[in-house]
Structure formats: C-alpha cells, structure tokens
Protein backbone atom coordinates (compact mmCIF):
# COMPACT_ATOMS: atom_id res chain seq x y z
CA MET A 1 17.70 -18.72 50.71
CA THR A 2 17.70 -14.62 51.17
CA ARG A 3 15.74 -12.80 53.58
CA LYS A 4 14.41 -9.41 52.75
CA THR A 5 13.05 -6.96 55.47
CA PRO A 6 9.30 -5.52 54.71
CA GLU A 7 8.98 -1.88 54.35
CA LEU A 8 5.96 -1.69 56.73
CA LEU A 9 6.30 -3.61 60.21
CA MET A 10 2.87 -4.90 62.28
CA GLN A 11 1.76 -6.87 65.88
CA SER A 12 -1.57 -7.76 67.22
CA ALA A 13 -3.44 -9.82 70.80
CA VAL A 14 -6.15 -11.88 69.21
CA THR A 15 -9.63 -11.04 71.29
CA SER A 16 -12.27 -12.75 70.17
CA ALA A 17 -13.31 -15.68 67.18
CA ILE A 18 -16.62 -15.83 65.50
CA GLY A 19 -18.19 -18.61 63.11
CA LEU A 20 -18.73 -18.05 60.00
CA GLY A 21 -21.53 -19.35 57.50
CA LEU A 22 -21.62 -19.77 53.87
CA ASP A 23 -20.81 -15.86 52.69
CA GLU A 24 -17.76 -14.88 52.46
CA GLU A 25 -16.64 -11.88 55.25
CA PRO A 26 -13.66 -10.01 53.76
CA VAL A 27 -10.68 -10.25 56.30
CA LEU A 28 -7.32 -9.39 56.36
CA LEU A 29 -5.12 -11.89 54.65
CA SER A 30 -2.31 -9.52 53.41
CA ALA A 31 -2.26 -5.60 52.79
CA THR A 32 -0.79 -5.69 49.03
CA GLU A 33 1.82 -7.05 47.08
CA GLN A 34 3.73 -3.20 47.41
CA SER A 35 3.45 -3.47 51.84
CA SER A 36 3.45 -6.63 53.46
CA SER A 37 1.89 -7.46 56.39
CA PHE A 38 4.74 -7.85 59.16
CA ALA A 39 4.83 -7.74 62.48
CA ILE A 40 8.08 -8.36 64.56
CA LEU A 41 7.36 -11.29 66.66
CA ASP A 42 8.68 -9.70 69.82
CA THR A 43 8.77 -12.20 72.75
CA GLY A 44 8.89 -9.09 75.50
CA ALA A 45 6.26 -7.42 74.38
CA SER A 46 3.49 -7.62 76.86
CA ARG A 47 1.00 -6.45 74.10
CA GLY A 48 0.91 -5.96 70.51
CA ILE A 49 1.82 -2.64 69.22
CA ILE A 50 1.70 -0.73 66.93
CA GLY A 51 2.65 3.10 65.77
CA GLU A 52 -0.43 5.72 64.48
CA LYS A 53 2.15 7.06 61.66
CA THR A 54 2.60 2.55 60.68
CA LEU A 55 -0.96 2.26 61.46
CA GLN A 56 -1.92 4.95 58.88
CA VAL A 57 0.62 3.62 55.98
CA LEU A 58 -1.23 -0.05 56.51
CA THR A 59 -4.85 1.32 56.44
CA ALA A 60 -4.00 3.59 53.66
CA THR A 61 -2.92 0.24 51.73
CA LEU A 62 -5.90 -2.13 52.85
CA PRO A 63 -8.84 -3.01 50.21
CA GLU A 64 -12.15 -1.19 51.20
CA ASP A 65 -14.10 -4.24 52.36
CA ILE A 66 -10.76 -4.61 54.65
CA GLY A 67 -10.49 -1.35 55.82
CA SER A 68 -14.41 -0.85 56.69
CA LYS A 69 -14.11 -3.78 59.18
CA LEU A 70 -11.35 -2.37 61.45
CA GLU A 71 -13.01 -2.02 64.49
CA THR A 72 -11.67 0.46 67.97
CA SER A 73 -11.88 0.88 71.21
CA PRO A 74 -10.85 2.47 73.87
CA SER A 75 -7.44 2.00 75.89
CA LYS A 76 -5.14 3.69 78.35
CA ILE A 77 -1.76 1.56 78.33
CA LYS A 78 1.49 2.42 79.42
CA PHE A 79 4.31 0.96 78.10
CA ARG A 80 8.10 1.03 78.57
CA PHE A 81 10.43 0.42 75.96
CA ALA A 82 13.50 -0.97 76.18
CA ASN A 83 15.52 2.49 75.49
CA ASN A 84 13.70 4.10 78.77
CA GLU A 85 11.42 5.71 76.73
CA SER A 86 7.61 4.64 78.05
CA LEU A 87 4.38 5.64 75.40
CA THR A 88 0.41 5.20 76.39
CA SER A 89 -2.20 4.29 74.39
CA THR A 90 -4.25 6.00 72.38
CA HIS A 91 -6.97 3.56 71.67
CA ARG A 92 -7.33 -0.11 70.31
CA ILE A 93 -7.89 -1.21 66.42
CA HIS A 94 -9.09 -4.21 65.67
CA PHE A 95 -8.28 -6.07 62.76
CA PRO A 96 -10.00 -9.54 61.13
CA LEU A 97 -7.73 -12.83 60.14
CA LYS A 98 -9.50 -15.85 58.42
CA ALA A 99 -8.81 -19.21 60.36
CA THR A 100 -8.35 -22.70 58.54
CA ASP A 101 -11.90 -23.11 60.07
CA ARG A 102 -13.55 -20.11 58.41
CA ARG A 103 -13.54 -18.14 61.45
CA ILE A 104 -12.98 -14.78 62.15
CA VAL A 105 -10.15 -14.32 64.42
CA TRP A 106 -9.92 -11.06 65.88
CA ILE A 107 -6.40 -9.48 66.88
CA ALA A 108 -6.04 -6.27 69.00
CA VAL A 109 -3.19 -3.93 68.40
CA GLU A 110 -2.24 -1.14 70.99
CA VAL A 111 -2.13 2.09 68.64
CA VAL A 112 0.36 4.74 70.62
CA PRO A 113 1.64 7.68 68.96
CA GLY A 114 4.43 8.46 66.68
CA GLY A 115 6.11 5.06 64.05
CA THR A 116 6.79 2.67 65.91
CA PRO A 117 6.81 -0.89 63.86
CA PHE A 118 4.24 -3.60 64.39
CA LEU A 119 5.26 -5.73 67.10
CA PHE A 120 3.58 -9.16 67.68
CA SER A 121 3.77 -9.96 71.53
CA LYS A 122 4.09 -13.77 73.31
CA ARG A 123 0.63 -13.52 74.28
CA ALA A 124 -1.01 -13.06 70.74
CA PHE A 125 1.92 -15.35 69.03
CA LYS A 126 0.34 -18.15 71.78
CA MET A 127 -3.46 -17.62 71.80
CA LEU A 128 -3.23 -17.95 67.99
CA GLY A 129 -0.77 -21.47 69.39
CA GLY A 130 1.88 -20.56 68.08
CA THR A 131 5.52 -22.68 67.55
CA LEU A 132 8.37 -21.04 67.43
CA ASP A 133 10.91 -23.62 65.44
CA THR A 134 14.18 -21.47 65.51
CA THR A 135 16.39 -24.42 63.74
CA GLN A 136 14.58 -24.00 60.54
CA ASP A 137 13.62 -20.47 61.12
CA VAL A 138 9.85 -21.25 61.12
CA CYS A 139 6.75 -20.80 63.15
CA HIS A 140 3.23 -22.43 62.58
CA MET A 141 -0.13 -20.76 64.38
CA HIS A 142 -2.59 -23.90 64.24
CA PRO A 143 -5.38 -22.61 64.31
CA LEU A 144 -4.60 -19.77 60.84
CA HIS A 145 -2.18 -22.22 59.17
CA THR A 146 -2.01 -26.04 57.91
CA GLU A 147 1.34 -25.42 56.86
CA LEU A 148 4.49 -24.01 58.13
CA ILE A 149 5.14 -20.51 58.39
CA PRO A 150 8.86 -18.88 56.91
CA LEU A 151 9.75 -16.11 58.93
CA ASN A 152 12.12 -13.49 57.56
CA ILE A 153 14.98 -12.22 59.48
CA SER A 154 15.47 -8.24 60.01
CA HIS A 155 18.97 -7.01 59.41
CA THR A 156 19.34 -6.94 63.09
CA GLY A 157 18.35 -10.90 63.29
CA LEU A 158 15.35 -9.84 64.86
CA TYR A 159 11.82 -12.48 63.49
CA LEU A 160 9.50 -10.88 61.14
CA ILE A 161 6.27 -12.51 60.62
CA ASN A 162 3.23 -11.89 58.12
CA ILE A 163 0.53 -11.65 59.79
CA GLY A 164 -1.12 -11.47 56.14
CA ASP A 165 -0.70 -15.27 55.19
C-alpha cells in the first residue's frame, strides 16, 4: 500500500462533548479534498499544537458553516521542542468533531507562532479512546469511529492521522 504525505498537518485535545438533538450541526469532518485534515500522532506532545501559518491554511479551506463554529480561548502555554526551541501559545482554538452517537466532541489546539505542523497529542488520543496497532498501522478512536482508521506514514516514519475521518 502506497502512503502519501498530506500537504497540511494538524493536532488537538478534547475539551467537551455535547449531545445533539434531531437537527444536524455542521462539524469538521474533513477540510477539503485538496487539503486533508491530517495530524502527526505525537505521543511526546503534551498538548495539541498548530502553528499560526498552518492554521491559516486550514481555516481558509474550511466550509463556511464549519469555520463559523470555531471558537477561541486565551492561552499562554510554553512548549519546548526536541531542537531546544521554545514557543508560547498565543491562544487556543476549538474544533467540532462529530461522534458516532451524533454528539459533538470539541478538540482544543494550542496555537503557536510560525508554521508548526498540527501535532496530535497522546492526551487527545487517549481522551478519544484511541488504541494503536503498530503491526497493522491502524488505530481506533471509539467515540468517533466504529471502524479501524488507517494511518499514513510520513517520509520520516511518523504516523499521520486524518482528524477529518
């Protein structure tokens, strides 16, 4: 199986879930066909992170009904990366995801200056009931999917997960 590296990378942490009535609510299922909503599954990341430039590209591709639902909150979290660089988040953005039981699950992503890719933290993965099968390169996030989720592999060997699926 050939795996493609997506052009856009993302990340997040679950902040809340609310039940839906009979009405359909627009939620982030995928950005667009040209630019998928992939994140690096980063078990070393303490929180979900996305760079301002990466976020701008992502939000420009979102349908109007999804983009209008994004919420922000104040945040000043300091992150230290493996290259010893430090960045402090300027704010937090909240994305709506649709669960299999029709609830909306909100994921929170810390926004940092620059072009940092979307990093999906172990904490977010765990809060979404994530299990990882490295022998088959698949995962399962019980509240969001009933089926296994195939993982793409970047050219450097990192797992990439499509948050929009």
